[in-house]
Amino acid sequence: MTALGMETNVRKFKGVGMKPIYLGVVFWGWLIFGGYLIVSWVA
């Protein structure tokens, strides 16, 4: 992960657009919400 971070360039993000970042935020929220539901259901 560190190597990926060191290779990251702002120009790459500008070239790709915001869709991957939006998708990452949606998946992050899904994991947080889904994890909370699973933990609260099991416990």
PDB file of N, CA and C in Angstrom:
ATOM      1  N   MET A   1       0.828  -1.187   0.000  1.00  0.00           N
ATOM      2  CA  MET A   1       0.000   0.000   0.000  1.00  0.00           C
ATOM      3  C   MET A   1       0.877   1.256   0.000  1.00  0.00           C
ATOM      4  N   THR A   2       1.974   1.219   0.692  1.00  0.00           N
ATOM      5  CA  THR A   2       2.855   2.377   0.715  1.00  0.00           C
ATOM      6  C   THR A   2       3.407   2.658  -0.679  1.00  0.00           C
ATOM      7  N   ALA A   3       3.785   1.606  -1.385  1.00  0.00           N
ATOM      8  CA  ALA A   3       4.309   1.789  -2.737  1.00  0.00           C
ATOM      9  C   ALA A   3       3.251   2.395  -3.648  1.00  0.00           C
ATOM     10  N   LEU A   4       2.014   1.967  -3.488  1.00  0.00           N
ATOM     11  CA  LEU A   4       0.935   2.563  -4.289  1.00  0.00           C
ATOM     12  C   LEU A   4       0.780   4.044  -3.965  1.00  0.00           C
ATOM     13  N   GLY A   5       0.857   4.371  -2.694  1.00  0.00           N
ATOM     14  CA  GLY A   5       0.730   5.765  -2.295  1.00  0.00           C
ATOM     15  C   GLY A   5       1.874   6.621  -2.809  1.00  0.00           C
ATOM     16  N   MET A   6       3.061   6.050  -2.858  1.00  0.00           N
ATOM     17  CA  MET A   6       4.212   6.807  -3.342  1.00  0.00           C
ATOM     18  C   MET A   6       4.131   7.031  -4.849  1.00  0.00           C
ATOM     19  N   GLU A   7       3.462   6.120  -5.554  1.00  0.00           N
ATOM     20  CA  GLU A   7       3.312   6.245  -6.999  1.00  0.00           C
ATOM     21  C   GLU A   7       2.167   7.178  -7.379  1.00  0.00           C
ATOM     22  N   THR A   8       1.340   7.543  -6.423  1.00  0.00           N
ATOM     23  CA  THR A   8       0.158   8.344  -6.713  1.00  0.00           C
ATOM     24  C   THR A   8       0.556   9.752  -7.124  1.00  0.00           C
ATOM     25  N   ASN A   9      -0.091  10.220  -8.155  1.00  0.00           N
ATOM     26  CA  ASN A   9       0.169  11.553  -8.673  1.00  0.00           C
ATOM     27  C   ASN A   9      -1.175  12.256  -8.856  1.00  0.00           C
ATOM     28  N   VAL A  10      -1.242  13.527  -8.502  1.00  0.00           N
ATOM     29  CA  VAL A  10      -2.489  14.278  -8.600  1.00  0.00           C
ATOM     30  C   VAL A  10      -2.967  14.341 -10.051  1.00  0.00           C
ATOM     31  N   ARG A  11      -2.053  14.400 -10.979  1.00  0.00           N
ATOM     32  CA  ARG A  11      -2.431  14.440 -12.405  1.00  0.00           C
ATOM     33  C   ARG A  11      -3.187  13.181 -12.823  1.00  0.00           C
ATOM     34  N   LYS A  12      -2.852  12.048 -12.212  1.00  0.00           N
ATOM     35  CA  LYS A  12      -3.570  10.809 -12.514  1.00  0.00           C
ATOM     36  C   LYS A  12      -5.028  10.914 -12.081  1.00  0.00           C
ATOM     37  N   PHE A  13      -5.257  11.500 -10.918  1.00  0.00           N
ATOM     38  CA  PHE A  13      -6.628  11.674 -10.441  1.00  0.00           C
ATOM     39  C   PHE A  13      -7.411  12.607 -11.348  1.00  0.00           C
ATOM     40  N   LYS A  14      -6.783  13.673 -11.783  1.00  0.00           N
ATOM     41  CA  LYS A  14      -7.456  14.614 -12.676  1.00  0.00           C
ATOM     42  C   LYS A  14      -7.796  13.965 -14.006  1.00  0.00           C
ATOM     43  N   GLY A  15      -6.925  13.079 -14.488  1.00  0.00           N
ATOM     44  CA  GLY A  15      -7.164  12.414 -15.763  1.00  0.00           C
ATOM     45  C   GLY A  15      -8.294  11.400 -15.699  1.00  0.00           C
ATOM     46  N   VAL A  16      -8.442  10.744 -14.564  1.00  0.00           N
ATOM     47  CA  VAL A  16      -9.468   9.716 -14.418  1.00  0.00           C
ATOM     48  C   VAL A  16     -10.830  10.328 -14.113  1.00  0.00           C
ATOM     49  N   GLY A  17     -10.850  11.381 -13.349  1.00  0.00           N
ATOM     50  CA  GLY A  17     -12.109  12.005 -12.956  1.00  0.00           C
ATOM     51  C   GLY A  17     -12.473  11.639 -11.528  1.00  0.00           C
ATOM     52  N   MET A  18     -13.667  12.033 -11.137  1.00  0.00           N
ATOM     53  CA  MET A  18     -14.103  11.835  -9.755  1.00  0.00           C
ATOM     54  C   MET A  18     -14.892  10.550  -9.543  1.00  0.00           C
ATOM     55  N   LYS A  19     -15.278   9.857 -10.608  1.00  0.00           N
ATOM     56  CA  LYS A  19     -16.094   8.650 -10.442  1.00  0.00           C
ATOM     57  C   LYS A  19     -15.451   7.594  -9.546  1.00  0.00           C
ATOM     58  N   PRO A  20     -14.164   7.266  -9.707  1.00  0.00           N
ATOM     59  CA  PRO A  20     -13.571   6.263  -8.810  1.00  0.00           C
ATOM     60  C   PRO A  20     -13.561   6.698  -7.344  1.00  0.00           C
ATOM     61  N   ILE A  21     -13.391   7.982  -7.113  1.00  0.00           N
ATOM     62  CA  ILE A  21     -13.400   8.485  -5.734  1.00  0.00           C
ATOM     63  C   ILE A  21     -14.803   8.380  -5.153  1.00  0.00           C
ATOM     64  N   TYR A  22     -15.818   8.734  -5.932  1.00  0.00           N
ATOM     65  CA  TYR A  22     -17.201   8.586  -5.479  1.00  0.00           C
ATOM     66  C   TYR A  22     -17.525   7.123  -5.185  1.00  0.00           C
ATOM     67  N   LEU A  23     -17.079   6.237  -6.060  1.00  0.00           N
ATOM     68  CA  LEU A  23     -17.320   4.810  -5.867  1.00  0.00           C
ATOM     69  C   LEU A  23     -16.642   4.315  -4.593  1.00  0.00           C
ATOM     70  N   GLY A  24     -15.423   4.768  -4.345  1.00  0.00           N
ATOM     71  CA  GLY A  24     -14.721   4.395  -3.119  1.00  0.00           C
ATOM     72  C   GLY A  24     -15.448   4.876  -1.880  1.00  0.00           C
ATOM     73  N   VAL A  25     -15.993   6.082  -1.921  1.00  0.00           N
ATOM     74  CA  VAL A  25     -16.738   6.623  -0.779  1.00  0.00           C
ATOM     75  C   VAL A  25     -18.021   5.820  -0.556  1.00  0.00           C
ATOM     76  N   VAL A  26     -18.696   5.460  -1.642  1.00  0.00           N
ATOM     77  CA  VAL A  26     -19.915   4.661  -1.516  1.00  0.00           C
ATOM     78  C   VAL A  26     -19.599   3.295  -0.917  1.00  0.00           C
ATOM     79  N   PHE A  27     -18.542   2.638  -1.387  1.00  0.00           N
ATOM     80  CA  PHE A  27     -18.162   1.338  -0.837  1.00  0.00           C
ATOM     81  C   PHE A  27     -17.724   1.454   0.617  1.00  0.00           C
ATOM     82  N   TRP A  28     -17.017   2.521   0.955  1.00  0.00           N
ATOM     83  CA  TRP A  28     -16.594   2.731   2.347  1.00  0.00           C
ATOM     84  C   TRP A  28     -17.829   2.868   3.240  1.00  0.00           C
ATOM     85  N   GLY A  29     -18.799   3.654   2.797  1.00  0.00           N
ATOM     86  CA  GLY A  29     -20.038   3.808   3.569  1.00  0.00           C
ATOM     87  C   GLY A  29     -20.792   2.497   3.682  1.00  0.00           C
ATOM     88  N   TRP A  30     -20.830   1.725   2.599  1.00  0.00           N
ATOM     89  CA  TRP A  30     -21.493   0.427   2.601  1.00  0.00           C
ATOM     90  C   TRP A  30     -20.839  -0.507   3.621  1.00  0.00           C
ATOM     91  N   LEU A  31     -19.510  -0.512   3.673  1.00  0.00           N
ATOM     92  CA  LEU A  31     -18.804  -1.364   4.628  1.00  0.00           C
ATOM     93  C   LEU A  31     -19.071  -0.931   6.063  1.00  0.00           C
ATOM     94  N   ILE A  32     -19.066   0.365   6.313  1.00  0.00           N
ATOM     95  CA  ILE A  32     -19.318   0.856   7.668  1.00  0.00           C
ATOM     96  C   ILE A  32     -20.747   0.512   8.096  1.00  0.00           C
ATOM     97  N   PHE A  33     -21.716   0.838   7.251  1.00  0.00           N
ATOM     98  CA  PHE A  33     -23.123   0.593   7.578  1.00  0.00           C
ATOM     99  C   PHE A  33     -23.417  -0.903   7.669  1.00  0.00           C
ATOM    100  N   GLY A  34     -22.928  -1.666   6.697  1.00  0.00           N
ATOM    101  CA  GLY A  34     -23.146  -3.107   6.712  1.00  0.00           C
ATOM    102  C   GLY A  34     -22.466  -3.776   7.893  1.00  0.00           C
ATOM    103  N   GLY A  35     -21.265  -3.363   8.206  1.00  0.00           N
ATOM    104  CA  GLY A  35     -20.568  -3.908   9.368  1.00  0.00           C
ATOM    105  C   GLY A  35     -21.290  -3.608  10.661  1.00  0.00           C
ATOM    106  N   TYR A  36     -21.819  -2.396  10.761  1.00  0.00           N
ATOM    107  CA  TYR A  36     -22.577  -2.028  11.953  1.00  0.00           C
ATOM    108  C   TYR A  36     -23.823  -2.901  12.095  1.00  0.00           C
ATOM    109  N   LEU A  37     -24.532  -3.100  10.986  1.00  0.00           N
ATOM    110  CA  LEU A  37     -25.736  -3.931  11.041  1.00  0.00           C
ATOM    111  C   LEU A  37     -25.409  -5.376  11.415  1.00  0.00           C
ATOM    112  N   ILE A  38     -24.346  -5.906  10.853  1.00  0.00           N
ATOM    113  CA  ILE A  38     -23.982  -7.295  11.165  1.00  0.00           C
ATOM    114  C   ILE A  38     -23.592  -7.430  12.629  1.00  0.00           C
ATOM    115  N   VAL A  39     -22.790  -6.493  13.131  1.00  0.00           N
ATOM    116  CA  VAL A  39     -22.355  -6.562  14.526  1.00  0.00           C
ATOM    117  C   VAL A  39     -23.532  -6.379  15.463  1.00  0.00           C
ATOM    118  N   SER A  40     -24.416  -5.455  15.144  1.00  0.00           N
ATOM    119  CA  SER A  40     -25.561  -5.235  16.035  1.00  0.00           C
ATOM    120  C   SER A  40     -26.553  -6.397  15.975  1.00  0.00           C
ATOM    121  N   TRP A  41     -26.625  -7.084  14.834  1.00  0.00           N
ATOM    122  CA  TRP A  41     -27.535  -8.216  14.708  1.00  0.00           C
ATOM    123  C   TRP A  41     -27.003  -9.445  15.435  1.00  0.00           C
ATOM    124  N   VAL A  42     -25.686  -9.656  15.362  1.00  0.00           N
ATOM    125  CA  VAL A  42     -25.077 -10.831  15.966  1.00  0.00           C
ATOM    126  C   VAL A  42     -24.948 -10.670  17.482  1.00  0.00           C
ATOM    127  N   ALA A  43     -24.611  -9.484  17.922  1.00  0.00           N
ATOM    128  CA  ALA A  43     -24.340  -9.268  19.350  1.00  0.00           C
ATOM    129  C   ALA A  43     -25.592  -9.196  20.173  1.00  0.00           C
TER     130      ALA A  43
END
